[in-house]
C-alpha atoms as a PDB file:
ATOM      1  CA  UNK A   1     110.938 153.303  78.970  1.00  0.00           C
ATOM      2  CA  UNK A   2     114.134 151.584  77.722  1.00  0.00           C
ATOM      3  CA  UNK A   3     113.811 148.446  75.639  1.00  0.00           C
ATOM      4  CA  UNK A   4     114.635 145.226  77.521  1.00  0.00           C
ATOM      5  CA  UNK A   5     116.861 142.648  75.842  1.00  0.00           C
ATOM      6  CA  UNK A   6     116.688 138.919  76.516  1.00  0.00           C
ATOM      7  CA  UNK A   7     120.191 137.486  76.849  1.00  0.00           C
ATOM      8  CA  UNK A   8     121.853 134.206  77.753  1.00  0.00           C
ATOM      9  CA  UNK A   9     125.147 133.694  79.513  1.00  0.00           C
ATOM     10  CA  UNK A  10     127.382 130.866  80.683  1.00  0.00           C
ATOM     11  CA  UNK A  11     130.462 130.786  82.880  1.00  0.00           C
ATOM     12  CA  UNK A  12     133.589 129.430  81.196  1.00  0.00           C
ATOM     13  CA  UNK A  13     135.440 126.977  83.419  1.00  0.00           C
ATOM     14  CA  UNK A  14     138.828 125.331  83.528  1.00  0.00           C
ATOM     15  CA  UNK A  15     138.402 121.715  84.671  1.00  0.00           C
ATOM     16  CA  UNK A  16     141.878 120.361  85.544  1.00  0.00           C
ATOM     17  CA  UNK A  17     140.687 116.787  86.169  1.00  0.00           C
ATOM     18  CA  UNK A  18     137.317 115.953  84.654  1.00  0.00           C
ATOM     19  CA  UNK A  19     136.838 112.900  86.857  1.00  0.00           C
ATOM     20  CA  UNK A  20     136.996 115.043  90.015  1.00  0.00           C
ATOM     21  CA  UNK A  21     134.438 117.564  88.699  1.00  0.00           C
ATOM     22  CA  UNK A  22     136.386 120.479  90.201  1.00  0.00           C
ATOM     23  CA  UNK A  23     136.682 123.701  88.260  1.00  0.00           C
ATOM     24  CA  UNK A  24     137.866 127.301  88.307  1.00  0.00           C
ATOM     25  CA  UNK A  25     135.747 130.038  86.693  1.00  0.00           C
ATOM     26  CA  UNK A  26     137.937 131.652  84.028  1.00  0.00           C
ATOM     27  CA  UNK A  27     135.523 133.596  81.862  1.00  0.00           C
ATOM     28  CA  UNK A  28     132.049 134.522  80.743  1.00  0.00           C
ATOM     29  CA  UNK A  29     130.257 134.188  77.408  1.00  0.00           C
ATOM     30  CA  UNK A  30     127.040 136.113  76.814  1.00  0.00           C
ATOM     31  CA  UNK A  31     124.818 136.670  73.781  1.00  0.00           C
ATOM     32  CA  UNK A  32     121.642 138.424  72.724  1.00  0.00           C
ATOM     33  CA  UNK A  33     120.115 136.856  69.623  1.00  0.00           C
ATOM     34  CA  UNK A  34     117.807 139.772  68.792  1.00  0.00           C
ATOM     35  CA  UNK A  35     120.679 142.275  68.837  1.00  0.00           C
ATOM     36  CA  UNK A  36     123.118 139.789  67.211  1.00  0.00           C
ATOM     37  CA  UNK A  37     125.445 140.659  70.087  1.00  0.00           C
ATOM     38  CA  UNK A  38     128.015 138.473  71.809  1.00  0.00           C
ATOM     39  CA  UNK A  39     130.798 139.105  74.252  1.00  0.00           C
ATOM     40  CA  UNK A  40     133.462 136.922  75.835  1.00  0.00           C
ATOM     41  CA  UNK A  41     135.846 137.937  78.595  1.00  0.00           C
ATOM     42  CA  UNK A  42     138.554 135.761  80.128  1.00  0.00           C
ATOM     43  CA  UNK A  43     140.626 135.932  83.281  1.00  0.00           C
ATOM     44  CA  UNK A  44     143.105 133.166  84.038  1.00  0.00           C
ATOM     45  CA  UNK A  45     144.293 133.394  87.643  1.00  0.00           C
ATOM     46  CA  UNK A  46     147.492 131.303  88.001  1.00  0.00           C
ATOM     47  CA  UNK A  47     147.111 131.192  91.797  1.00  0.00           C
ATOM     48  CA  UNK A  48     143.609 129.698  91.673  1.00  0.00           C
ATOM     49  CA  UNK A  49     144.549 127.270  88.920  1.00  0.00           C
ATOM     50  CA  UNK A  50     147.737 126.247  90.737  1.00  0.00           C
ATOM     51  CA  UNK A  51     145.701 124.983  93.689  1.00  0.00           C
ATOM     52  CA  UNK A  52     144.312 122.176  91.510  1.00  0.00           C
ATOM     53  CA  UNK A  53     147.630 121.034  90.060  1.00  0.00           C
ATOM     54  CA  UNK A  54     146.342 120.256  86.569  1.00  0.00           C
ATOM     55  CA  UNK A  55     148.433 118.896  83.728  1.00  0.00           C
ATOM     56  CA  UNK A  56     148.270 122.049  81.580  1.00  0.00           C
ATOM     57  CA  UNK A  57     150.441 125.145  81.883  1.00  0.00           C
ATOM     58  CA  UNK A  58     148.912 128.614  82.109  1.00  0.00           C
ATOM     59  CA  UNK A  59     150.049 129.282  78.514  1.00  0.00           C
ATOM     60  CA  UNK A  60     148.284 126.118  77.296  1.00  0.00           C
ATOM     61  CA  UNK A  61     145.091 127.068  79.124  1.00  0.00           C
ATOM     62  CA  UNK A  62     145.170 130.604  77.722  1.00  0.00           C
ATOM     63  CA  UNK A  63     145.785 129.239  74.220  1.00  0.00           C
ATOM     64  CA  UNK A  64     142.725 126.970  74.452  1.00  0.00           C
ATOM     65  CA  UNK A  65     140.607 129.778  75.903  1.00  0.00           C
ATOM     66  CA  UNK A  66     141.590 132.154  73.105  1.00  0.00           C
ATOM     67  CA  UNK A  67     139.471 130.032  70.748  1.00  0.00           C
ATOM     68  CA  UNK A  68     136.394 130.741  72.921  1.00  0.00           C
ATOM     69  CA  UNK A  69     136.930 134.480  72.523  1.00  0.00           C
ATOM     70  CA  UNK A  70     137.566 134.339  68.769  1.00  0.00           C
ATOM     71  CA  UNK A  71     134.564 132.100  68.092  1.00  0.00           C
ATOM     72  CA  UNK A  72     132.237 133.781  70.583  1.00  0.00           C
ATOM     73  CA  UNK A  73     132.855 137.247  69.205  1.00  0.00           C
ATOM     74  CA  UNK A  74     132.807 136.077  65.568  1.00  0.00           C
ATOM     75  CA  UNK A  75     136.398 137.079  64.798  1.00  0.00           C
ATOM     76  CA  UNK A  76     137.475 136.034  61.262  1.00  0.00           C
ATOM     77  CA  UNK A  77     140.545 134.199  62.608  1.00  0.00           C
ATOM     78  CA  UNK A  78     138.196 132.016  64.714  1.00  0.00           C
ATOM     79  CA  UNK A  79     137.674 129.689  61.753  1.00  0.00           C
ATOM     80  CA  UNK A  80     134.395 128.407  60.300  1.00  0.00           C
ATOM     81  CA  UNK A  81     132.613 128.298  63.690  1.00  0.00           C
ATOM     82  CA  UNK A  82     133.184 132.041  64.134  1.00  0.00           C
ATOM     83  CA  UNK A  83     131.278 132.711  60.895  1.00  0.00           C
ATOM     84  CA  UNK A  84     128.059 131.166  62.234  1.00  0.00           C
ATOM     85  CA  UNK A  85     125.182 133.348  63.505  1.00  0.00           C
ATOM     86  CA  UNK A  86     125.604 134.551  67.103  1.00  0.00           C
ATOM     87  CA  UNK A  87     123.095 132.080  68.580  1.00  0.00           C
ATOM     88  CA  UNK A  88     124.745 129.092  66.872  1.00  0.00           C
ATOM     89  CA  UNK A  89     128.182 130.147  68.078  1.00  0.00           C
ATOM     90  CA  UNK A  90     126.820 130.479  71.623  1.00  0.00           C
ATOM     91  CA  UNK A  91     125.130 127.046  71.471  1.00  0.00           C
ATOM     92  CA  UNK A  92     128.331 125.430  70.187  1.00  0.00           C
ATOM     93  CA  UNK A  93     130.461 127.034  72.909  1.00  0.00           C
ATOM     94  CA  UNK A  94     128.043 126.088  75.690  1.00  0.00           C
ATOM     95  CA  UNK A  95     127.346 122.510  74.575  1.00  0.00           C
ATOM     96  CA  UNK A  96     128.071 119.929  77.282  1.00  0.00           C
ATOM     97  CA  UNK A  97     131.670 118.733  77.010  1.00  0.00           C
ATOM     98  CA  UNK A  98     133.905 116.389  78.918  1.00  0.00           C
ATOM     99  CA  UNK A  99     137.184 118.257  78.573  1.00  0.00           C
ATOM    100  CA  UNK A 100     139.395 120.712  80.434  1.00  0.00           C
ATOM    101  CA  UNK A 101     137.544 123.790  79.118  1.00  0.00           C
ATOM    102  CA  UNK A 102     133.792 123.690  79.686  1.00  0.00           C
ATOM    103  CA  UNK A 103     130.907 126.011  80.528  1.00  0.00           C
ATOM    104  CA  UNK A 104     128.093 126.129  83.011  1.00  0.00           C
ATOM    105  CA  UNK A 105     124.592 125.557  81.736  1.00  0.00           C
ATOM    106  CA  UNK A 106     123.290 128.663  79.958  1.00  0.00           C
ATOM    107  CA  UNK A 107     121.186 131.038  82.047  1.00  0.00           C
ATOM    108  CA  UNK A 108     118.759 133.710  80.771  1.00  0.00           C
ATOM    109  CA  UNK A 109     118.409 137.312  81.799  1.00  0.00           C
ATOM    110  CA  UNK A 110     116.666 140.539  80.811  1.00  0.00           C
ATOM    111  CA  UNK A 111     118.351 143.941  80.677  1.00  0.00           C
ATOM    112  CA  UNK A 112     118.223 147.322  78.996  1.00  0.00           C
ATOM    113  CA  UNK A 113     122.070 147.504  78.955  1.00  0.00           C
ATOM    114  CA  UNK A 114     123.868 144.386  77.724  1.00  0.00           C
ATOM    115  CA  UNK A 115     127.370 145.670  78.474  1.00  0.00           C
ATOM    116  CA  UNK A 116     126.467 146.652  82.039  1.00  0.00           C
ATOM    117  CA  UNK A 117     124.820 143.265  82.643  1.00  0.00           C
ATOM    118  CA  UNK A 118     127.906 141.532  81.259  1.00  0.00           C
ATOM    119  CA  UNK A 119     130.241 143.514  83.527  1.00  0.00           C
ATOM    120  CA  UNK A 120     128.089 142.808  86.591  1.00  0.00           C
ATOM    121  CA  UNK A 121     127.996 139.067  85.869  1.00  0.00           C
ATOM    122  CA  UNK A 122     131.722 138.913  85.099  1.00  0.00           C
ATOM    123  CA  UNK A 123     132.495 140.652  88.387  1.00  0.00           C
ATOM    124  CA  UNK A 124     130.173 138.391  90.409  1.00  0.00           C
ATOM    125  CA  UNK A 125     131.058 135.083  88.785  1.00  0.00           C
ATOM    126  CA  UNK A 126     134.667 135.302  87.608  1.00  0.00           C
ATOM    127  CA  UNK A 127     136.586 138.014  89.471  1.00  0.00           C
END
């Protein structure tokens, strides 16, 4: 019987106007502490974002989101936050924020295949 892995995930959101509480799902961050595994995937859809008429350009949004990927996956160019253990990086990325890039509350799951679970969630929640 395959080993089950406890994981946590959160949807990354672009919030064009915080006061309106509207958002567009633009990515997913997921981690498994036991496996020291993390993955971040982003998808910025200019058509969806254009509906909200936010102040940022697509390039500015993608630039801000690139930090999520670098930090979440522990890339050396992600700065000091990227050097933290996987669970600390995940907690920092998913902390409640009042800004144009935010995340949903973290949600738990259990799987024997982290990559397959990530792909399923990304497809359901972001695509």
